[in-house]
Protein backbone atom coordinates (compact mmCIF):
# COMPACT_ATOMS: atom_id res chain seq x y z
CA MET A 1 51.00 -121.14 93.62
CA ALA A 2 54.66 -122.23 93.58
CA LYS A 3 55.19 -120.74 90.11
CA LYS A 4 53.86 -117.36 91.24
CA THR A 5 56.22 -117.41 94.21
CA GLN A 6 59.15 -118.26 91.93
CA LEU A 7 58.18 -115.46 89.55
CA GLU A 8 57.93 -112.96 92.40
CA THR A 9 61.34 -114.12 93.61
CA LEU A 10 62.82 -113.55 90.15
CA LYS A 11 61.42 -110.02 89.99
CA ASN A 12 63.14 -109.13 93.25
CA GLN A 13 66.59 -110.37 92.22
CA LYS A 14 69.11 -107.91 90.82
CA ASN A 15 71.14 -110.38 88.72
CA MET A 16 70.22 -112.94 86.10
CA THR A 17 69.38 -116.25 87.77
CA ILE A 18 71.48 -119.33 86.99
CA ILE A 19 69.16 -122.31 86.93
CA ALA A 20 69.81 -126.08 86.96
CA PRO A 21 68.62 -127.89 83.79
CA THR A 22 65.57 -129.29 85.60
CA GLU A 23 64.23 -125.74 86.09
CA GLU A 24 64.43 -124.44 82.51
CA ILE A 25 60.98 -122.82 82.72
CA ILE A 26 62.25 -120.41 85.39
CA LEU A 27 65.11 -119.29 83.15
CA ALA A 28 62.65 -118.57 80.32
CA GLN A 29 60.46 -116.51 82.66
CA ASN A 30 63.49 -114.62 83.92
CA LEU A 31 64.60 -113.92 80.34
CA GLU A 32 61.09 -112.79 79.43
CA LEU A 33 60.96 -110.41 82.41
CA ARG A 34 64.40 -109.04 81.56
CA ASN A 35 63.44 -108.54 77.91
CA GLN A 36 60.28 -106.71 78.94
CA ASP A 37 62.33 -104.40 81.18
CA VAL A 38 64.83 -103.74 78.37
CA GLU A 39 62.03 -102.93 75.92
CA LYS A 40 60.44 -100.59 78.47
CA ALA A 41 63.83 -98.90 78.98
CA TYR A 42 64.24 -98.55 75.20
CA HIS A 43 60.90 -96.74 74.88
CA ASN A 44 61.78 -94.46 77.83
CA ILE A 45 65.15 -93.68 76.23
CA ILE A 46 63.42 -92.74 72.97
CA LYS A 47 60.96 -90.54 74.85
CA GLY A 48 63.83 -88.76 76.62
CA CYS A 49 65.81 -88.30 73.40
CA ARG A 50 62.76 -86.92 71.61
CA GLU A 51 62.51 -84.31 74.38
CA LEU A 52 66.13 -83.32 73.72
CA LEU A 53 65.21 -82.53 70.11
CA THR A 54 62.54 -79.99 71.12
CA ALA A 55 65.17 -77.34 71.85
CA PHE A 56 66.19 -77.00 68.20
CA GLU A 57 64.82 -74.16 66.14
CA GLN A 58 65.33 -75.80 62.73
CA LEU A 59 62.85 -78.51 61.77
CA ARG A 60 65.49 -80.84 60.32
CA TYR A 61 67.03 -81.29 63.77
CA ARG A 62 63.62 -82.14 65.29
CA MET A 63 62.75 -84.80 62.69
CA ASN A 64 62.90 -88.46 63.68
CA ILE A 65 62.07 -91.83 62.19
CA HIS A 66 60.73 -94.93 63.92
CA ILE A 67 61.11 -98.29 62.18
CA ASP A 68 59.06 -101.20 63.48
CA HIS A 69 61.24 -104.05 62.19
CA ILE A 70 58.85 -106.69 63.53
CA ASN A 71 56.24 -105.62 60.95
CA SER A 72 58.72 -105.16 58.06
CA ASP A 73 58.24 -108.75 56.80
CA LYS A 74 62.01 -109.24 56.83
CA GLU A 75 63.84 -111.96 58.74
CA THR A 76 65.85 -109.99 61.30
CA ASN A 77 66.80 -109.78 64.95
CA LEU A 78 66.00 -106.07 64.92
CA ILE A 79 62.86 -105.11 66.84
CA HIS A 80 62.64 -101.29 66.77
CA GLU A 81 64.89 -98.54 65.50
CA TRP A 82 64.73 -94.81 66.14
CA ILE A 83 66.85 -92.47 64.02
CA CYS A 84 67.33 -88.74 64.08
CA HIS A 85 69.93 -86.29 62.81
CA PHE A 86 72.15 -87.12 65.80
CA TRP A 87 71.63 -90.76 66.85
CA ASP A 88 70.49 -94.20 65.80
CA ILE A 89 69.06 -96.16 68.74
CA THR A 90 68.11 -99.76 68.08
CA LEU A 91 66.34 -102.45 70.09
CA THR A 92 67.42 -105.89 68.93
CA ARG A 93 67.54 -109.47 70.16
CA ASN A 94 70.93 -111.16 70.28
CA ARG A 95 71.58 -114.80 69.36
CA PHE A 96 70.99 -115.87 72.97
CA GLY A 97 67.51 -114.32 73.09
CA TYR A 98 68.44 -111.24 75.14
CA ASN A 99 67.03 -107.86 74.14
CA MET A 100 69.81 -105.29 73.69
CA VAL A 101 69.87 -101.54 73.01
CA TYR A 102 72.50 -100.25 70.59
CA VAL A 103 73.31 -96.54 70.46
CA ALA A 104 75.25 -94.95 67.61
CA PHE A 105 75.98 -91.25 67.27
CA ASP A 106 76.74 -89.16 64.22
CA GLU A 107 80.30 -87.91 63.83
CA ASP A 108 79.37 -84.71 61.97
CA ALA A 109 76.68 -83.82 64.52
CA LEU A 110 79.14 -84.38 67.36
CA THR A 111 81.69 -82.13 65.64
CA ARG A 112 79.14 -79.44 64.79
CA PHE A 113 77.22 -79.34 68.09
CA GLY A 114 79.92 -80.49 70.49
CA ASP A 115 79.56 -83.13 73.15
CA LYS A 116 76.96 -81.37 75.33
CA LEU A 117 74.01 -82.90 73.42
CA PHE A 118 75.78 -86.26 73.24
CA ASN A 119 76.33 -86.21 77.02
CA LYS A 120 72.66 -85.37 77.63
CA MET A 121 71.67 -88.35 75.48
CA LEU A 122 74.01 -90.62 77.47
CA ARG A 123 72.42 -89.41 80.71
CA VAL A 124 69.00 -90.34 79.32
CA VAL A 125 70.25 -93.81 78.33
CA PHE A 126 71.85 -94.55 81.69
CA LYS A 127 68.96 -93.02 83.65
CA HIS A 128 66.63 -95.67 82.24
CA THR A 129 69.00 -98.64 82.49
CA ASN A 130 70.74 -98.23 85.82
CA PRO A 131 70.16 -100.98 88.39
CA GLU A 132 67.94 -98.82 90.62
CA VAL A 133 65.30 -98.36 87.88
CA SER A 134 64.43 -101.98 87.16
CA GLU A 135 63.74 -104.85 89.48
CA LEU A 136 65.99 -106.97 87.28
CA ASN A 137 69.49 -105.76 86.44
CA ILE A 138 69.41 -104.67 82.79
CA GLU A 139 72.47 -102.43 82.94
CA ASN A 140 74.41 -104.73 80.61
CA CYS A 141 71.80 -104.42 77.82
CA ILE A 142 73.37 -101.20 76.49
CA ARG A 143 75.96 -101.09 73.72
CA ILE A 144 77.33 -97.64 72.87
CA GLU A 145 79.34 -97.41 69.65
CA HIS A 146 82.91 -96.54 70.62
CA SER A 147 83.45 -94.39 67.57
CA ALA A 148 81.17 -91.99 65.79
CA SER A 149 79.21 -93.21 62.78
CA ASP A 150 77.93 -91.63 59.60
CA ILE A 151 74.22 -91.65 60.46
CA GLN A 152 73.05 -88.59 58.51
CA PRO A 153 73.12 -90.20 55.01
CA PHE A 154 71.10 -93.16 56.31
CA PHE A 155 68.71 -90.78 58.10
CA ILE A 156 68.23 -88.62 54.97
CA SER A 157 67.72 -91.71 52.80
CA ARG A 158 65.00 -92.96 55.16
CA LEU A 159 63.36 -89.52 55.10
CA LEU A 160 63.35 -89.48 51.29
CA ASN A 161 61.87 -92.99 51.14
CA GLY A 162 58.94 -91.71 53.18
CA GLU A 163 56.57 -93.47 55.48
CA LYS A 164 55.57 -97.09 55.01
CA ASP A 165 53.48 -99.52 57.04
CA PHE A 166 56.43 -100.11 59.35
CA VAL A 167 58.17 -96.70 59.08
CA SER A 168 56.83 -93.51 60.65
CA ILE A 169 58.31 -90.03 60.38
CA THR A 170 57.56 -87.36 62.96
CA SER A 171 58.90 -84.04 64.10
CA GLU A 172 58.96 -82.74 67.63
CA GLU A 173 57.30 -79.47 68.51
CA ARG A 174 59.80 -76.78 69.39
CA VAL A 175 59.87 -75.89 73.06
CA PRO A 176 61.74 -72.62 73.63
CA SER A 177 64.33 -72.95 76.38
């Protein structure tokens, strides 16, 4: 019964709990709960970003790739990766065991389409990671690349390689605005 009470207490705290060495099990539970919340946020971010793609008329802008790195049979800290013409959003585990979400954006897409789409994507990211959304504070799980990347060649290469057991390619249905 005491463990359940401790677990309920951890869920209600906003910050990561600092635990004395004699209570290591509580830290592991807290980390597990945080990682679950970060993974849930990642999937919600991807869902929101996929919705942003539905406004585009051309199919190439609605295409996206999901890579399930866990099933890729490669030794990596990467968990999931979602790539489209505009962004590369990755769920990974850092060396301390914390799940993190990395967001990179394509320089050419930003230049061509302006920052309106980029800003909408940022709103989606922060909507799902702000402290009011999760019982645990996961706000510090986000890493936004400070400079634009060259995502399109990587995206096109993945498209040309096609689907595999751990790679799926989809396109969003166009929703007229």
